[in-house]
Amino acid sequence: MGGDGPVFARIEALRPVAAAIAIDGDGSDWGAIPTFSDPVGDAGGDSSRDITSFAIAPLADALLVEITTASAPSTGDLAFWLDIDYMGQEPLDLEIGLYLGFPDIL
């Protein structure tokens, strides 16, 4: 199987695992979801914004994202952004800012 077929097959295989995830602060139900690592210490000295790993769990109508930081995550407004590029071209297709003061910014 070539092209994007293996990627789509993997997404479909992970949907039941993603459906079982509870957003409750306990990350143990993310175990089967692939995790991407990022080196510690590359956030300019701010460990609250230093992402050390993240995982993406696909649902039929949502995308769950787990972000792990080197220390307790920043609660500052717009501390984290998710940039999504569906087409692999500039500009980005979707940008989401996580903002505690208001609904998330799209």
C-alpha atoms as a PDB file:
ATOM      1  CA  MET A   1       0.000   0.000   0.000  1.00  0.00           C
ATOM      2  CA  GLY A   2       1.576   3.285  -1.050  1.00  0.00           C
ATOM      3  CA  GLY A   3       0.838   6.960  -0.715  1.00  0.00           C
ATOM      4  CA  ASP A   4      -1.244   8.044   2.256  1.00  0.00           C
ATOM      5  CA  GLY A   5      -2.923   4.641   2.661  1.00  0.00           C
ATOM      6  CA  PRO A   6      -0.791   3.521   5.629  1.00  0.00           C
ATOM      7  CA  VAL A   7      -1.376   6.830   7.404  1.00  0.00           C
ATOM      8  CA  PHE A   8      -5.146   6.584   6.988  1.00  0.00           C
ATOM      9  CA  ALA A   9      -5.091   2.939   8.108  1.00  0.00           C
ATOM     10  CA  ARG A  10      -3.178   3.919  11.261  1.00  0.00           C
ATOM     11  CA  ILE A  11      -5.652   6.722  11.994  1.00  0.00           C
ATOM     12  CA  GLU A  12      -8.576   4.311  11.662  1.00  0.00           C
ATOM     13  CA  ALA A  13      -6.863   1.790  13.933  1.00  0.00           C
ATOM     14  CA  LEU A  14      -6.373   4.470  16.605  1.00  0.00           C
ATOM     15  CA  ARG A  15      -9.954   5.819  16.579  1.00  0.00           C
ATOM     16  CA  PRO A  16     -11.250   3.261  19.154  1.00  0.00           C
ATOM     17  CA  VAL A  17      -8.290   4.008  21.425  1.00  0.00           C
ATOM     18  CA  ALA A  18      -8.931   7.741  21.059  1.00  0.00           C
ATOM     19  CA  ALA A  19     -12.637   7.261  21.806  1.00  0.00           C
ATOM     20  CA  ALA A  20     -11.712   5.715  25.173  1.00  0.00           C
ATOM     21  CA  ILE A  21      -9.637   8.714  26.297  1.00  0.00           C
ATOM     22  CA  ALA A  22     -11.113  10.707  29.163  1.00  0.00           C
ATOM     23  CA  ILE A  23     -10.040  14.329  29.539  1.00  0.00           C
ATOM     24  CA  ASP A  24      -9.381  14.050  33.276  1.00  0.00           C
ATOM     25  CA  GLY A  25      -5.698  14.793  33.861  1.00  0.00           C
ATOM     26  CA  ASP A  26      -4.766  11.097  33.949  1.00  0.00           C
ATOM     27  CA  GLY A  27      -2.644  10.357  30.877  1.00  0.00           C
ATOM     28  CA  SER A  28      -2.620   6.572  31.276  1.00  0.00           C
ATOM     29  CA  ASP A  29      -5.353   6.102  28.656  1.00  0.00           C
ATOM     30  CA  TRP A  30      -3.069   7.693  26.022  1.00  0.00           C
ATOM     31  CA  GLY A  31      -0.626   4.739  26.138  1.00  0.00           C
ATOM     32  CA  ALA A  32      -1.387   3.324  22.682  1.00  0.00           C
ATOM     33  CA  ILE A  33      -1.382   6.732  20.974  1.00  0.00           C
ATOM     34  CA  PRO A  34       1.999   7.536  19.334  1.00  0.00           C
ATOM     35  CA  THR A  35       3.912  10.244  21.194  1.00  0.00           C
ATOM     36  CA  PHE A  36       6.329  12.691  19.633  1.00  0.00           C
ATOM     37  CA  SER A  37       9.234  13.844  21.801  1.00  0.00           C
ATOM     38  CA  ASP A  38      10.888  17.244  21.915  1.00  0.00           C
ATOM     39  CA  PRO A  39      14.199  18.028  23.650  1.00  0.00           C
ATOM     40  CA  VAL A  40      14.051  19.537  27.140  1.00  0.00           C
ATOM     41  CA  GLY A  41      15.506  23.017  27.529  1.00  0.00           C
ATOM     42  CA  ASP A  42      14.685  24.575  24.155  1.00  0.00           C
ATOM     43  CA  ALA A  43      12.098  27.117  25.359  1.00  0.00           C
ATOM     44  CA  GLY A  44      14.443  29.952  26.256  1.00  0.00           C
ATOM     45  CA  GLY A  45      14.568  29.024  29.941  1.00  0.00           C
ATOM     46  CA  ASP A  46      10.773  28.915  30.466  1.00  0.00           C
ATOM     47  CA  SER A  47      10.117  25.308  31.503  1.00  0.00           C
ATOM     48  CA  SER A  48       6.373  26.043  31.802  1.00  0.00           C
ATOM     49  CA  ARG A  49       6.278  26.471  28.010  1.00  0.00           C
ATOM     50  CA  ASP A  50       8.951  23.876  27.221  1.00  0.00           C
ATOM     51  CA  ILE A  51       7.015  21.152  25.405  1.00  0.00           C
ATOM     52  CA  THR A  52       8.694  17.788  25.986  1.00  0.00           C
ATOM     53  CA  SER A  53       6.167  15.585  24.194  1.00  0.00           C
ATOM     54  CA  PHE A  54       2.817  15.665  22.472  1.00  0.00           C
ATOM     55  CA  ALA A  55       0.318  13.193  21.113  1.00  0.00           C
ATOM     56  CA  ILE A  56      -2.647  13.511  18.771  1.00  0.00           C
ATOM     57  CA  ALA A  57      -5.715  11.270  19.063  1.00  0.00           C
ATOM     58  CA  PRO A  58      -8.150  11.255  16.104  1.00  0.00           C
ATOM     59  CA  LEU A  59     -11.913  11.106  16.642  1.00  0.00           C
ATOM     60  CA  ALA A  60     -14.586  11.267  13.955  1.00  0.00           C
ATOM     61  CA  ASP A  61     -15.546  14.828  14.914  1.00  0.00           C
ATOM     62  CA  ALA A  62     -12.648  16.051  17.051  1.00  0.00           C
ATOM     63  CA  LEU A  63      -8.914  15.905  17.487  1.00  0.00           C
ATOM     64  CA  LEU A  64      -7.574  15.368  21.006  1.00  0.00           C
ATOM     65  CA  VAL A  65      -4.108  16.743  21.750  1.00  0.00           C
ATOM     66  CA  GLU A  66      -1.976  15.910  24.787  1.00  0.00           C
ATOM     67  CA  ILE A  67       0.873  18.331  25.504  1.00  0.00           C
ATOM     68  CA  THR A  68       3.489  17.575  28.171  1.00  0.00           C
ATOM     69  CA  THR A  69       5.732  20.369  29.446  1.00  0.00           C
ATOM     70  CA  ALA A  70       8.976  20.256  31.442  1.00  0.00           C
ATOM     71  CA  SER A  71       7.216  21.754  34.488  1.00  0.00           C
ATOM     72  CA  ALA A  72       3.618  22.687  35.292  1.00  0.00           C
ATOM     73  CA  PRO A  73       2.264  24.223  32.069  1.00  0.00           C
ATOM     74  CA  SER A  74       1.969  27.967  31.724  1.00  0.00           C
ATOM     75  CA  THR A  75      -1.460  29.403  32.465  1.00  0.00           C
ATOM     76  CA  GLY A  76      -0.599  32.619  30.645  1.00  0.00           C
ATOM     77  CA  ASP A  77      -2.980  33.769  27.942  1.00  0.00           C
ATOM     78  CA  LEU A  78      -1.991  32.490  24.500  1.00  0.00           C
ATOM     79  CA  ALA A  79       0.855  30.424  25.970  1.00  0.00           C
ATOM     80  CA  PHE A  80       0.255  27.631  23.435  1.00  0.00           C
ATOM     81  CA  TRP A  81      -0.757  27.563  19.769  1.00  0.00           C
ATOM     82  CA  LEU A  82      -1.650  24.653  17.525  1.00  0.00           C
ATOM     83  CA  ASP A  83      -0.824  25.189  13.862  1.00  0.00           C
ATOM     84  CA  ILE A  84      -2.456  22.733  11.460  1.00  0.00           C
ATOM     85  CA  ASP A  85      -1.443  22.411   7.834  1.00  0.00           C
ATOM     86  CA  TYR A  86      -3.799  20.072   5.941  1.00  0.00           C
ATOM     87  CA  MET A  87      -2.342  20.683   2.512  1.00  0.00           C
ATOM     88  CA  GLY A  88       1.412  20.801   3.243  1.00  0.00           C
ATOM     89  CA  GLN A  89       1.659  24.295   1.824  1.00  0.00           C
ATOM     90  CA  GLU A  90       1.951  27.799   3.214  1.00  0.00           C
ATOM     91  CA  PRO A  91      -0.014  29.525   4.640  1.00  0.00           C
ATOM     92  CA  LEU A  92      -1.284  27.397   7.530  1.00  0.00           C
ATOM     93  CA  ASP A  93      -4.797  26.049   7.128  1.00  0.00           C
ATOM     94  CA  LEU A  94      -5.768  26.397  10.795  1.00  0.00           C
ATOM     95  CA  GLU A  95      -4.202  28.137  13.778  1.00  0.00           C
ATOM     96  CA  ILE A  96      -5.627  27.753  17.292  1.00  0.00           C
ATOM     97  CA  GLY A  97      -4.491  29.874  20.248  1.00  0.00           C
ATOM     98  CA  LEU A  98      -5.297  28.544  23.708  1.00  0.00           C
ATOM     99  CA  TYR A  99      -6.472  31.587  25.630  1.00  0.00           C
ATOM    100  CA  LEU A 100      -7.727  31.336  29.225  1.00  0.00           C
ATOM    101  CA  GLY A 101      -9.445  34.746  29.190  1.00  0.00           C
ATOM    102  CA  PHE A 102     -11.752  34.044  26.249  1.00  0.00           C
ATOM    103  CA  PRO A 103     -12.797  31.156  24.047  1.00  0.00           C
ATOM    104  CA  ASP A 104      -9.899  29.731  22.058  1.00  0.00           C
ATOM    105  CA  ILE A 105      -8.835  31.902  19.146  1.00  0.00           C
ATOM    106  CA  LEU A 106      -9.106  30.472  15.636  1.00  0.00           C
END
